Amino acid sequence: MQLPCFNSLRSVWYVDNIKIVPSNIKELLTPIALAHWIMGDGSKHNEGLHLSVYAFSTSEVELLVYALTQIFNINCSLHNTDKGSRIYINKASTDILRPLVVEHFVPSMKYKLGIKK
């Protein structure tokens, strides 16, 4: 709202002030976008990675899983918790993911990819 240059993005991700997954997510999800998503909502889990997607419906999370699979060939699954859904990316797919996004990570967040400083 403060910076009008972001209004076009807001209109893609919010409908009636409710955050949504855009139907064209496959066109929007790039390695840079994925890096920002992981840095903001990702957490290392054992040898894999969780992506928190609590604000989205099950069908929207399934759309995200489909997009990750189709775009990046990442094997991921939907995990339900008491907070809501999250996406789990297993170790083998984390190994595929790491080289795609690491150059876009700030050093202090690389631990989420299993990379030590």
PDB file of N, CA and C in Angstrom:
ATOM      1  N   MET A   1       0.816  -1.186   0.000  1.00  0.00           N
ATOM      2  CA  MET A   1       0.000   0.000   0.000  1.00  0.00           C
ATOM      3  C   MET A   1       0.864   1.256   0.000  1.00  0.00           C
ATOM      4  N   GLN A   2       2.021   1.171   0.656  1.00  0.00           N
ATOM      5  CA  GLN A   2       2.908   2.324   0.722  1.00  0.00           C
ATOM      6  C   GLN A   2       3.626   2.552  -0.598  1.00  0.00           C
ATOM      7  N   LEU A   3       3.972   1.474  -1.270  1.00  0.00           N
ATOM      8  CA  LEU A   3       4.695   1.576  -2.536  1.00  0.00           C
ATOM      9  C   LEU A   3       3.805   1.058  -3.664  1.00  0.00           C
ATOM     10  N   PRO A   4       3.257   1.949  -4.454  1.00  0.00           N
ATOM     11  CA  PRO A   4       2.338   1.548  -5.525  1.00  0.00           C
ATOM     12  C   PRO A   4       2.925   0.536  -6.508  1.00  0.00           C
ATOM     13  N   CYS A   5       4.249   0.461  -6.602  1.00  0.00           N
ATOM     14  CA  CYS A   5       4.865  -0.487  -7.535  1.00  0.00           C
ATOM     15  C   CYS A   5       4.540  -1.939  -7.162  1.00  0.00           C
ATOM     16  N   PHE A   6       4.119  -2.181  -5.918  1.00  0.00           N
ATOM     17  CA  PHE A   6       3.789  -3.537  -5.488  1.00  0.00           C
ATOM     18  C   PHE A   6       2.305  -3.870  -5.626  1.00  0.00           C
ATOM     19  N   ASN A   7       1.486  -2.917  -6.028  1.00  0.00           N
ATOM     20  CA  ASN A   7       0.042  -3.156  -6.135  1.00  0.00           C
ATOM     21  C   ASN A   7      -0.291  -4.261  -7.129  1.00  0.00           C
ATOM     22  N   SER A   8       0.455  -4.346  -8.219  1.00  0.00           N
ATOM     23  CA  SER A   8       0.164  -5.396  -9.198  1.00  0.00           C
ATOM     24  C   SER A   8       0.435  -6.781  -8.603  1.00  0.00           C
ATOM     25  N   LEU A   9       1.472  -6.908  -7.791  1.00  0.00           N
ATOM     26  CA  LEU A   9       1.742  -8.186  -7.125  1.00  0.00           C
ATOM     27  C   LEU A   9       0.653  -8.504  -6.104  1.00  0.00           C
ATOM     28  N   ARG A  10       0.236  -7.511  -5.373  1.00  0.00           N
ATOM     29  CA  ARG A  10      -0.819  -7.726  -4.382  1.00  0.00           C
ATOM     30  C   ARG A  10      -2.089  -8.239  -5.050  1.00  0.00           C
ATOM     31  N   SER A  11      -2.418  -7.700  -6.198  1.00  0.00           N
ATOM     32  CA  SER A  11      -3.648  -8.131  -6.870  1.00  0.00           C
ATOM     33  C   SER A  11      -3.557  -9.575  -7.361  1.00  0.00           C
ATOM     34  N   VAL A  12      -2.350 -10.092  -7.554  1.00  0.00           N
ATOM     35  CA  VAL A  12      -2.164 -11.485  -7.963  1.00  0.00           C
ATOM     36  C   VAL A  12      -2.295 -12.425  -6.769  1.00  0.00           C
ATOM     37  N   TRP A  13      -1.778 -12.020  -5.620  1.00  0.00           N
ATOM     38  CA  TRP A  13      -1.691 -12.892  -4.442  1.00  0.00           C
ATOM     39  C   TRP A  13      -2.813 -12.712  -3.423  1.00  0.00           C
ATOM     40  N   TYR A  14      -3.635 -11.674  -3.590  1.00  0.00           N
ATOM     41  CA  TYR A  14      -4.731 -11.432  -2.638  1.00  0.00           C
ATOM     42  C   TYR A  14      -6.028 -11.178  -3.385  1.00  0.00           C
ATOM     43  N   VAL A  15      -7.089 -11.835  -2.923  1.00  0.00           N
ATOM     44  CA  VAL A  15      -8.434 -11.596  -3.430  1.00  0.00           C
ATOM     45  C   VAL A  15      -9.311 -11.290  -2.228  1.00  0.00           C
ATOM     46  N   ASP A  16      -9.938 -10.137  -2.238  1.00  0.00           N
ATOM     47  CA  ASP A  16     -10.759  -9.689  -1.098  1.00  0.00           C
ATOM     48  C   ASP A  16      -9.974  -9.769   0.210  1.00  0.00           C
ATOM     49  N   ASN A  17      -8.705  -9.350   0.163  1.00  0.00           N
ATOM     50  CA  ASN A  17      -7.797  -9.331   1.320  1.00  0.00           C
ATOM     51  C   ASN A  17      -7.487 -10.722   1.877  1.00  0.00           C
ATOM     52  N   ILE A  18      -7.702 -11.758   1.079  1.00  0.00           N
ATOM     53  CA  ILE A  18      -7.361 -13.126   1.481  1.00  0.00           C
ATOM     54  C   ILE A  18      -6.224 -13.595   0.586  1.00  0.00           C
ATOM     55  N   LYS A  19      -5.143 -14.070   1.210  1.00  0.00           N
ATOM     56  CA  LYS A  19      -3.984 -14.553   0.466  1.00  0.00           C
ATOM     57  C   LYS A  19      -4.346 -15.851  -0.248  1.00  0.00           C
ATOM     58  N   ILE A  20      -3.982 -15.933  -1.528  1.00  0.00           N
ATOM     59  CA  ILE A  20      -4.280 -17.106  -2.351  1.00  0.00           C
ATOM     60  C   ILE A  20      -3.038 -17.538  -3.117  1.00  0.00           C
ATOM     61  N   VAL A  21      -3.088 -18.742  -3.651  1.00  0.00           N
ATOM     62  CA  VAL A  21      -2.072 -19.190  -4.600  1.00  0.00           C
ATOM     63  C   VAL A  21      -2.633 -18.907  -5.986  1.00  0.00           C
ATOM     64  N   PRO A  22      -1.966 -18.088  -6.776  1.00  0.00           N
ATOM     65  CA  PRO A  22      -2.471 -17.769  -8.112  1.00  0.00           C
ATOM     66  C   PRO A  22      -2.533 -19.016  -8.993  1.00  0.00           C
ATOM     67  N   SER A  23      -3.532 -19.066  -9.849  1.00  0.00           N
ATOM     68  CA  SER A  23      -3.686 -20.233 -10.726  1.00  0.00           C
ATOM     69  C   SER A  23      -2.513 -20.372 -11.696  1.00  0.00           C
ATOM     70  N   ASN A  24      -1.802 -19.278 -11.960  1.00  0.00           N
ATOM     71  CA  ASN A  24      -0.646 -19.328 -12.872  1.00  0.00           C
ATOM     72  C   ASN A  24       0.674 -19.447 -12.099  1.00  0.00           C
ATOM     73  N   ILE A  25       0.652 -20.108 -10.965  1.00  0.00           N
ATOM     74  CA  ILE A  25       1.849 -20.222 -10.115  1.00  0.00           C
ATOM     75  C   ILE A  25       3.023 -20.832 -10.876  1.00  0.00           C
ATOM     76  N   LYS A  26       2.750 -21.717 -11.833  1.00  0.00           N
ATOM     77  CA  LYS A  26       3.840 -22.320 -12.606  1.00  0.00           C
ATOM     78  C   LYS A  26       4.624 -21.276 -13.396  1.00  0.00           C
ATOM     79  N   GLU A  27       3.982 -20.177 -13.762  1.00  0.00           N
ATOM     80  CA  GLU A  27       4.661 -19.104 -14.488  1.00  0.00           C
ATOM     81  C   GLU A  27       5.425 -18.182 -13.538  1.00  0.00           C
ATOM     82  N   LEU A  28       5.030 -18.155 -12.292  1.00  0.00           N
ATOM     83  CA  LEU A  28       5.613 -17.223 -11.327  1.00  0.00           C
ATOM     84  C   LEU A  28       6.751 -17.822 -10.511  1.00  0.00           C
ATOM     85  N   LEU A  29       6.759 -19.140 -10.390  1.00  0.00           N
ATOM     86  CA  LEU A  29       7.719 -19.792  -9.505  1.00  0.00           C
ATOM     87  C   LEU A  29       9.056 -20.017 -10.224  1.00  0.00           C
ATOM     88  N   THR A  30      10.001 -19.148  -9.930  1.00  0.00           N
ATOM     89  CA  THR A  30      11.345 -19.208 -10.502  1.00  0.00           C
ATOM     90  C   THR A  30      12.319 -19.613  -9.402  1.00  0.00           C
ATOM     91  N   PRO A  31      13.566 -19.936  -9.742  1.00  0.00           N
ATOM     92  CA  PRO A  31      14.542 -20.219  -8.689  1.00  0.00           C
ATOM     93  C   PRO A  31      14.695 -19.070  -7.689  1.00  0.00           C
ATOM     94  N   ILE A  32      14.626 -17.833  -8.151  1.00  0.00           N
ATOM     95  CA  ILE A  32      14.728 -16.693  -7.231  1.00  0.00           C
ATOM     96  C   ILE A  32      13.527 -16.648  -6.303  1.00  0.00           C
ATOM     97  N   ALA A  33      12.334 -16.832  -6.852  1.00  0.00           N
ATOM     98  CA  ALA A  33      11.126 -16.836  -6.023  1.00  0.00           C
ATOM     99  C   ALA A  33      11.168 -17.976  -5.017  1.00  0.00           C
ATOM    100  N   LEU A  34      11.620 -19.137  -5.455  1.00  0.00           N
ATOM    101  CA  LEU A  34      11.718 -20.293  -4.569  1.00  0.00           C
ATOM    102  C   LEU A  34      12.733 -20.040  -3.450  1.00  0.00           C
ATOM    103  N   ALA A  35      13.843 -19.407  -3.778  1.00  0.00           N
ATOM    104  CA  ALA A  35      14.847 -19.066  -2.751  1.00  0.00           C
ATOM    105  C   ALA A  35      14.240 -18.138  -1.699  1.00  0.00           C
ATOM    106  N   HIS A  36      13.505 -17.127  -2.124  1.00  0.00           N
ATOM    107  CA  HIS A  36      12.872 -16.211  -1.171  1.00  0.00           C
ATOM    108  C   HIS A  36      11.828 -16.930  -0.322  1.00  0.00           C
ATOM    109  N   TRP A  37      11.077 -17.828  -0.948  1.00  0.00           N
ATOM    110  CA  TRP A  37      10.060 -18.596  -0.231  1.00  0.00           C
ATOM    111  C   TRP A  37      10.722 -19.451   0.859  1.00  0.00           C
ATOM    112  N   ILE A  38      11.789 -20.135   0.506  1.00  0.00           N
ATOM    113  CA  ILE A  38      12.478 -20.984   1.485  1.00  0.00           C
ATOM    114  C   ILE A  38      13.087 -20.139   2.602  1.00  0.00           C
ATOM    115  N   MET A  39      13.725 -19.032   2.246  1.00  0.00           N
ATOM    116  CA  MET A  39      14.320 -18.185   3.280  1.00  0.00           C
ATOM    117  C   MET A  39      13.261 -17.654   4.232  1.00  0.00           C
ATOM    118  N   GLY A  40      12.081 -17.328   3.713  1.00  0.00           N
ATOM    119  CA  GLY A  40      11.036 -16.759   4.552  1.00  0.00           C
ATOM    120  C   GLY A  40      10.205 -17.785   5.291  1.00  0.00           C
ATOM    121  N   ASP A  41       9.820 -18.865   4.624  1.00  0.00           N
ATOM    122  CA  ASP A  41       8.886 -19.831   5.208  1.00  0.00           C
ATOM    123  C   ASP A  41       9.414 -21.257   5.239  1.00  0.00           C
ATOM    124  N   GLY A  42      10.687 -21.446   4.964  1.00  0.00           N
ATOM    125  CA  GLY A  42      11.262 -22.785   4.971  1.00  0.00           C
ATOM    126  C   GLY A  42      11.957 -23.083   6.276  1.00  0.00           C
ATOM    127  N   SER A  43      12.048 -24.374   6.581  1.00  0.00           N
ATOM    128  CA  SER A  43      12.803 -24.802   7.759  1.00  0.00           C
ATOM    129  C   SER A  43      13.434 -26.155   7.474  1.00  0.00           C
ATOM    130  N   LYS A  44      14.673 -26.288   7.894  1.00  0.00           N
ATOM    131  CA  LYS A  44      15.384 -27.555   7.723  1.00  0.00           C
ATOM    132  C   LYS A  44      14.715 -28.589   8.623  1.00  0.00           C
ATOM    133  N   HIS A  45      14.483 -29.768   8.078  1.00  0.00           N
ATOM    134  CA  HIS A  45      13.894 -30.854   8.859  1.00  0.00           C
ATOM    135  C   HIS A  45      14.668 -32.125   8.553  1.00  0.00           C
ATOM    136  N   ASN A  46      15.497 -32.555   9.506  1.00  0.00           N
ATOM    137  CA  ASN A  46      16.406 -33.678   9.288  1.00  0.00           C
ATOM    138  C   ASN A  46      17.221 -33.412   8.027  1.00  0.00           C
ATOM    139  N   GLU A  47      17.138 -34.285   7.035  1.00  0.00           N
ATOM    140  CA  GLU A  47      17.884 -34.102   5.790  1.00  0.00           C
ATOM    141  C   GLU A  47      17.041 -33.415   4.715  1.00  0.00           C
ATOM    142  N   GLY A  48      15.783 -33.113   5.060  1.00  0.00           N
ATOM    143  CA  GLY A  48      14.883 -32.489   4.102  1.00  0.00           C
ATOM    144  C   GLY A  48      14.539 -31.065   4.485  1.00  0.00           C
ATOM    145  N   LEU A  49      13.407 -30.605   3.987  1.00  0.00           N
ATOM    146  CA  LEU A  49      13.021 -29.209   4.151  1.00  0.00           C
ATOM    147  C   LEU A  49      11.502 -29.110   4.228  1.00  0.00           C
ATOM    148  N   HIS A  50      11.011 -28.310   5.165  1.00  0.00           N
ATOM    149  CA  HIS A  50       9.580 -27.999   5.236  1.00  0.00           C
ATOM    150  C   HIS A  50       9.341 -26.597   4.687  1.00  0.00           C
ATOM    151  N   LEU A  51       8.248 -26.422   3.967  1.00  0.00           N
ATOM    152  CA  LEU A  51       7.775 -25.113   3.542  1.00  0.00           C
ATOM    153  C   LEU A  51       6.429 -24.882   4.211  1.00  0.00           C
ATOM    154  N   SER A  52       6.353 -23.882   5.041  1.00  0.00           N
ATOM    155  CA  SER A  52       5.103 -23.579   5.728  1.00  0.00           C
ATOM    156  C   SER A  52       4.151 -22.894   4.760  1.00  0.00           C
ATOM    157  N   VAL A  53       2.958 -23.433   4.663  1.00  0.00           N
ATOM    158  CA  VAL A  53       1.936 -22.890   3.769  1.00  0.00           C
ATOM    159  C   VAL A  53       0.588 -22.854   4.497  1.00  0.00           C
ATOM    160  N   TYR A  54       0.649 -22.524   5.783  1.00  0.00           N
ATOM    161  CA  TYR A  54      -0.524 -22.592   6.645  1.00  0.00           C
ATOM    162  C   TYR A  54      -1.687 -21.725   6.178  1.00  0.00           C
ATOM    163  N   ALA A  55      -1.426 -20.647   5.479  1.00  0.00           N
ATOM    164  CA  ALA A  55      -2.485 -19.716   5.095  1.00  0.00           C
ATOM    165  C   ALA A  55      -3.322 -20.215   3.916  1.00  0.00           C
ATOM    166  N   PHE A  56      -2.884 -21.280   3.268  1.00  0.00           N
ATOM    167  CA  PHE A  56      -3.539 -21.719   2.041  1.00  0.00           C
ATOM    168  C   PHE A  56      -4.437 -22.933   2.266  1.00  0.00           C
ATOM    169  N   SER A  57      -5.428 -23.073   1.395  1.00  0.00           N
ATOM    170  CA  SER A  57      -6.326 -24.228   1.443  1.00  0.00           C
ATOM    171  C   SER A  57      -5.578 -25.471   0.956  1.00  0.00           C
ATOM    172  N   THR A  58      -6.156 -26.632   1.212  1.00  0.00           N
ATOM    173  CA  THR A  58      -5.536 -27.884   0.771  1.00  0.00           C
ATOM    174  C   THR A  58      -5.382 -27.907  -0.745  1.00  0.00           C
ATOM    175  N   SER A  59      -6.382 -27.442  -1.470  1.00  0.00           N
ATOM    176  CA  SER A  59      -6.282 -27.445  -2.940  1.00  0.00           C
ATOM    177  C   SER A  59      -5.185 -26.498  -3.426  1.00  0.00           C
ATOM    178  N   GLU A  60      -4.978 -25.390  -2.721  1.00  0.00           N
ATOM    179  CA  GLU A  60      -3.902 -24.471  -3.096  1.00  0.00           C
ATOM    180  C   GLU A  60      -2.535 -25.089  -2.806  1.00  0.00           C
ATOM    181  N   VAL A  61      -2.413 -25.785  -1.688  1.00  0.00           N
ATOM    182  CA  VAL A  61      -1.150 -26.452  -1.351  1.00  0.00           C
ATOM    183  C   VAL A  61      -0.870 -27.552  -2.370  1.00  0.00           C
ATOM    184  N   GLU A  62      -1.901 -28.271  -2.770  1.00  0.00           N
ATOM    185  CA  GLU A  62      -1.725 -29.296  -3.796  1.00  0.00           C
ATOM    186  C   GLU A  62      -1.261 -28.673  -5.116  1.00  0.00           C
ATOM    187  N   LEU A  63      -1.753 -27.484  -5.422  1.00  0.00           N
ATOM    188  CA  LEU A  63      -1.304 -26.763  -6.620  1.00  0.00           C
ATOM    189  C   LEU A  63       0.178 -26.399  -6.501  1.00  0.00           C
ATOM    190  N   LEU A  64       0.617 -25.991  -5.316  1.00  0.00           N
ATOM    191  CA  LEU A  64       2.028 -25.678  -5.091  1.00  0.00           C
ATOM    192  C   LEU A  64       2.890 -26.931  -5.238  1.00  0.00           C
ATOM    193  N   VAL A  65       2.443 -28.046  -4.673  1.00  0.00           N
ATOM    194  CA  VAL A  65       3.181 -29.308  -4.795  1.00  0.00           C
ATOM    195  C   VAL A  65       3.297 -29.695  -6.265  1.00  0.00           C
ATOM    196  N   TYR A  66       2.200 -29.575  -6.992  1.00  0.00           N
ATOM    197  CA  TYR A  66       2.203 -29.888  -8.429  1.00  0.00           C
ATOM    198  C   TYR A  66       3.197 -28.988  -9.168  1.00  0.00           C
ATOM    199  N   ALA A  67       3.177 -27.695  -8.859  1.00  0.00           N
ATOM    200  CA  ALA A  67       4.086 -26.753  -9.523  1.00  0.00           C
ATOM    201  C   ALA A  67       5.546 -27.097  -9.223  1.00  0.00           C
ATOM    202  N   LEU A  68       5.859 -27.379  -7.975  1.00  0.00           N
ATOM    203  CA  LEU A  68       7.239 -27.736  -7.608  1.00  0.00           C
ATOM    204  C   LEU A  68       7.694 -28.994  -8.350  1.00  0.00           C
ATOM    205  N   THR A  69       6.794 -29.951  -8.464  1.00  0.00           N
ATOM    206  CA  THR A  69       7.106 -31.203  -9.151  1.00  0.00           C
ATOM    207  C   THR A  69       7.316 -30.967 -10.647  1.00  0.00           C
ATOM    208  N   GLN A  70       6.428 -30.214 -11.249  1.00  0.00           N
ATOM    209  CA  GLN A  70       6.479 -29.988 -12.691  1.00  0.00           C
ATOM    210  C   GLN A  70       7.635 -29.086 -13.107  1.00  0.00           C
ATOM    211  N   ILE A  71       7.866 -28.025 -12.358  1.00  0.00           N
ATOM    212  CA  ILE A  71       8.882 -27.047 -12.746  1.00  0.00           C
ATOM    213  C   ILE A  71      10.288 -27.523 -12.426  1.00  0.00           C
ATOM    214  N   PHE A  72      10.461 -28.027 -11.206  1.00  0.00           N
ATOM    215  CA  PHE A  72      11.811 -28.313 -10.713  1.00  0.00           C
ATOM    216  C   PHE A  72      12.103 -29.803 -10.537  1.00  0.00           C
ATOM    217  N   ASN A  73      11.137 -30.668 -10.842  1.00  0.00           N
ATOM    218  CA  ASN A  73      11.300 -32.107 -10.667  1.00  0.00           C
ATOM    219  C   ASN A  73      11.632 -32.461  -9.213  1.00  0.00           C
ATOM    220  N   ILE A  74      10.977 -31.757  -8.306  1.00  0.00           N
ATOM    221  CA  ILE A  74      11.188 -31.950  -6.876  1.00  0.00           C
ATOM    222  C   ILE A  74      10.101 -32.866  -6.329  1.00  0.00           C
ATOM    223  N   ASN A  75      10.511 -33.914  -5.631  1.00  0.00           N
ATOM    224  CA  ASN A  75       9.572 -34.823  -4.997  1.00  0.00           C
ATOM    225  C   ASN A  75       9.197 -34.240  -3.644  1.00  0.00           C
ATOM    226  N   CYS A  76       7.936 -33.882  -3.487  1.00  0.00           N
ATOM    227  CA  CYS A  76       7.501 -33.316  -2.223  1.00  0.00           C
ATOM    228  C   CYS A  76       6.135 -33.873  -1.855  1.00  0.00           C
ATOM    229  N   SER A  77       5.797 -33.721  -0.597  1.00  0.00           N
ATOM    230  CA  SER A  77       4.530 -34.246  -0.119  1.00  0.00           C
ATOM    231  C   SER A  77       3.880 -33.256   0.828  1.00  0.00           C
ATOM    232  N   LEU A  78       2.609 -33.454   1.024  1.00  0.00           N
ATOM    233  CA  LEU A  78       1.802 -32.606   1.883  1.00  0.00           C
ATOM    234  C   LEU A  78       1.769 -33.225   3.280  1.00  0.00           C
ATOM    235  N   HIS A  79       2.119 -32.441   4.292  1.00  0.00           N
ATOM    236  CA  HIS A  79       2.049 -32.890   5.687  1.00  0.00           C
ATOM    237  C   HIS A  79       1.068 -31.999   6.418  1.00  0.00           C
ATOM    238  N   ASN A  80       0.129 -32.608   7.114  1.00  0.00           N
ATOM    239  CA  ASN A  80      -0.837 -31.848   7.895  1.00  0.00           C
ATOM    240  C   ASN A  80      -0.385 -31.792   9.348  1.00  0.00           C
ATOM    241  N   THR A  81      -0.474 -30.609   9.936  1.00  0.00           N
ATOM    242  CA  THR A  81      -0.129 -30.409  11.338  1.00  0.00           C
ATOM    243  C   THR A  81      -1.305 -29.732  12.032  1.00  0.00           C
ATOM    244  N   ASP A  82      -1.187 -29.525  13.324  1.00  0.00           N
ATOM    245  CA  ASP A  82      -2.259 -28.838  14.047  1.00  0.00           C
ATOM    246  C   ASP A  82      -2.388 -27.377  13.599  1.00  0.00           C
ATOM    247  N   LYS A  83      -1.344 -26.819  13.007  1.00  0.00           N
ATOM    248  CA  LYS A  83      -1.387 -25.439  12.485  1.00  0.00           C
ATOM    249  C   LYS A  83      -1.982 -25.372  11.086  1.00  0.00           C
ATOM    250  N   GLY A  84      -1.904 -26.469  10.353  1.00  0.00           N
ATOM    251  CA  GLY A  84      -2.354 -26.504   8.962  1.00  0.00           C
ATOM    252  C   GLY A  84      -1.397 -27.336   8.132  1.00  0.00           C
ATOM    253  N   SER A  85      -1.415 -27.110   6.839  1.00  0.00           N
ATOM    254  CA  SER A  85      -0.586 -27.895   5.923  1.00  0.00           C
ATOM    255  C   SER A  85       0.804 -27.301   5.760  1.00  0.00           C
ATOM    256  N   ARG A  86       1.739 -28.178   5.462  1.00  0.00           N
ATOM    257  CA  ARG A  86       3.066 -27.737   5.050  1.00  0.00           C
ATOM    258  C   ARG A  86       3.573 -28.741   4.021  1.00  0.00           C
ATOM    259  N   ILE A  87       4.535 -28.291   3.249  1.00  0.00           N
ATOM    260  CA  ILE A  87       5.110 -29.117   2.196  1.00  0.00           C
ATOM    261  C   ILE A  87       6.441 -29.652   2.689  1.00  0.00           C
ATOM    262  N   TYR A  88       6.658 -30.951   2.495  1.00  0.00           N
ATOM    263  CA  TYR A  88       7.937 -31.567   2.854  1.00  0.00           C
ATOM    264  C   TYR A  88       8.672 -31.934   1.572  1.00  0.00           C
ATOM    265  N   ILE A  89       9.919 -31.487   1.480  1.00  0.00           N
ATOM    266  CA  ILE A  89      10.803 -31.837   0.365  1.00  0.00           C
ATOM    267  C   ILE A  89      11.847 -32.790   0.931  1.00  0.00           C
ATOM    268  N   ASN A  90      11.905 -34.001   0.379  1.00  0.00           N
ATOM    269  CA  ASN A  90      12.802 -35.022   0.943  1.00  0.00           C
ATOM    270  C   ASN A  90      14.268 -34.751   0.595  1.00  0.00           C
ATOM    271  N   LYS A  91      15.152 -35.536   1.191  1.00  0.00           N
ATOM    272  CA  LYS A  91      16.597 -35.323   1.032  1.00  0.00           C
ATOM    273  C   LYS A  91      17.031 -35.356  -0.433  1.00  0.00           C
ATOM    274  N   ALA A  92      16.584 -36.356  -1.173  1.00  0.00           N
ATOM    275  CA  ALA A  92      16.996 -36.471  -2.581  1.00  0.00           C
ATOM    276  C   ALA A  92      16.596 -35.221  -3.364  1.00  0.00           C
ATOM    277  N   SER A  93      15.408 -34.709  -3.099  1.00  0.00           N
ATOM    278  CA  SER A  93      14.965 -33.515  -3.806  1.00  0.00           C
ATOM    279  C   SER A  93      15.630 -32.253  -3.276  1.00  0.00           C
ATOM    280  N   THR A  94      16.007 -32.261  -2.004  1.00  0.00           N
ATOM    281  CA  THR A  94      16.765 -31.132  -1.460  1.00  0.00           C
ATOM    282  C   THR A  94      18.108 -31.034  -2.183  1.00  0.00           C
ATOM    283  N   ASP A  95      18.679 -32.198  -2.507  1.00  0.00           N
ATOM    284  CA  ASP A  95      19.933 -32.211  -3.265  1.00  0.00           C
ATOM    285  C   ASP A  95      19.747 -31.641  -4.677  1.00  0.00           C
ATOM    286  N   ILE A  96      18.568 -31.822  -5.262  1.00  0.00           N
ATOM    287  CA  ILE A  96      18.248 -31.240  -6.575  1.00  0.00           C
ATOM    288  C   ILE A  96      18.009 -29.742  -6.430  1.00  0.00           C
ATOM    289  N   LEU A  97      17.314 -29.373  -5.363  1.00  0.00           N
ATOM    290  CA  LEU A  97      16.917 -27.991  -5.116  1.00  0.00           C
ATOM    291  C   LEU A  97      18.096 -27.063  -4.819  1.00  0.00           C
ATOM    292  N   ARG A  98      19.021 -27.547  -4.007  1.00  0.00           N
ATOM    293  CA  ARG A  98      20.132 -26.711  -3.520  1.00  0.00           C
ATOM    294  C   ARG A  98      20.854 -25.942  -4.623  1.00  0.00           C
ATOM    295  N   PRO A  99      21.328 -26.593  -5.693  1.00  0.00           N
ATOM    296  CA  PRO A  99      22.051 -25.831  -6.729  1.00  0.00           C
ATOM    297  C   PRO A  99      21.170 -24.832  -7.490  1.00  0.00           C
ATOM    298  N   LEU A 100      19.864 -25.046  -7.478  1.00  0.00           N
ATOM    299  CA  LEU A 100      18.956 -24.122  -8.163  1.00  0.00           C
ATOM    300  C   LEU A 100      18.801 -22.791  -7.436  1.00  0.00           C
ATOM    301  N   VAL A 101      18.891 -22.847  -6.094  1.00  0.00           N
ATOM    302  CA  VAL A 101      18.541 -21.657  -5.318  1.00  0.00           C
ATOM    303  C   VAL A 101      19.693 -21.043  -4.527  1.00  0.00           C
ATOM    304  N   VAL A 102      20.753 -21.777  -4.305  1.00  0.00           N
ATOM    305  CA  VAL A 102      21.792 -21.340  -3.374  1.00  0.00           C
ATOM    306  C   VAL A 102      22.397 -19.978  -3.739  1.00  0.00           C
ATOM    307  N   GLU A 103      22.537 -19.694  -5.017  1.00  0.00           N
ATOM    308  CA  GLU A 103      23.131 -18.406  -5.407  1.00  0.00           C
ATOM    309  C   GLU A 103      22.237 -17.219  -5.050  1.00  0.00           C
ATOM    310  N   HIS A 104      20.983 -17.472  -4.758  1.00  0.00           N
ATOM    311  CA  HIS A 104      20.039 -16.411  -4.407  1.00  0.00           C
ATOM    312  C   HIS A 104      19.838 -16.270  -2.902  1.00  0.00           C
ATOM    313  N   PHE A 105      20.528 -17.089  -2.130  1.00  0.00           N
ATOM    314  CA  PHE A 105      20.389 -17.092  -0.672  1.00  0.00           C
ATOM    315  C   PHE A 105      21.346 -16.109  -0.030  1.00  0.00           C
ATOM    316  N   VAL A 106      20.886 -15.461   1.029  1.00  0.00           N
ATOM    317  CA  VAL A 106      21.800 -14.676   1.849  1.00  0.00           C
ATOM    318  C   VAL A 106      22.557 -15.670   2.729  1.00  0.00           C
ATOM    319  N   PRO A 107      23.819 -15.399   3.055  1.00  0.00           N
ATOM    320  CA  PRO A 107      24.631 -16.364   3.788  1.00  0.00           C
ATOM    321  C   PRO A 107      24.001 -16.862   5.094  1.00  0.00           C
ATOM    322  N   SER A 108      23.342 -15.995   5.822  1.00  0.00           N
ATOM    323  CA  SER A 108      22.794 -16.399   7.119  1.00  0.00           C
ATOM    324  C   SER A 108      21.627 -17.379   7.005  1.00  0.00           C
ATOM    325  N   MET A 109      21.088 -17.574   5.815  1.00  0.00           N
ATOM    326  CA  MET A 109      19.955 -18.481   5.618  1.00  0.00           C
ATOM    327  C   MET A 109      20.351 -19.812   4.978  1.00  0.00           C
ATOM    328  N   LYS A 110      21.602 -19.964   4.607  1.00  0.00           N
ATOM    329  CA  LYS A 110      22.021 -21.170   3.906  1.00  0.00           C
ATOM    330  C   LYS A 110      21.898 -22.436   4.760  1.00  0.00           C
ATOM    331  N   TYR A 111      21.815 -22.270   6.079  1.00  0.00           N
ATOM    332  CA  TYR A 111      21.642 -23.441   6.947  1.00  0.00           C
ATOM    333  C   TYR A 111      20.336 -24.176   6.603  1.00  0.00           C
ATOM    334  N   LYS A 112      19.337 -23.466   6.063  1.00  0.00           N
ATOM    335  CA  LYS A 112      18.081 -24.091   5.688  1.00  0.00           C
ATOM    336  C   LYS A 112      18.268 -25.079   4.553  1.00  0.00           C
ATOM    337  N   LEU A 113      19.358 -24.935   3.816  1.00  0.00           N
ATOM    338  CA  LEU A 113      19.687 -25.854   2.734  1.00  0.00           C
ATOM    339  C   LEU A 113      20.697 -26.917   3.175  1.00  0.00           C
ATOM    340  N   GLY A 114      21.033 -26.887   4.450  1.00  0.00           N
ATOM    341  CA  GLY A 114      22.018 -27.832   4.961  1.00  0.00           C
ATOM    342  C   GLY A 114      23.444 -27.416   4.657  1.00  0.00           C
ATOM    343  N   ILE A 115      23.658 -26.121   4.410  1.00  0.00           N
ATOM    344  CA  ILE A 115      24.988 -25.600   4.096  1.00  0.00           C
ATOM    345  C   ILE A 115      25.499 -24.842   5.303  1.00  0.00           C
ATOM    346  N   LYS A 116      26.680 -25.215   5.762  1.00  0.00           N
ATOM    347  CA  LYS A 116      27.289 -24.501   6.889  1.00  0.00           C
ATOM    348  C   LYS A 116      28.046 -23.318   6.357  1.00  0.00           C
ATOM    349  N   LYS A 117      28.133 -22.288   7.167  1.00  0.00           N
ATOM    350  CA  LYS A 117      28.843 -21.057   6.769  1.00  0.00           C
ATOM    351  C   LYS A 117      30.273 -21.328   6.410  1.00  0.00           C
TER     352      LYS A 117
END
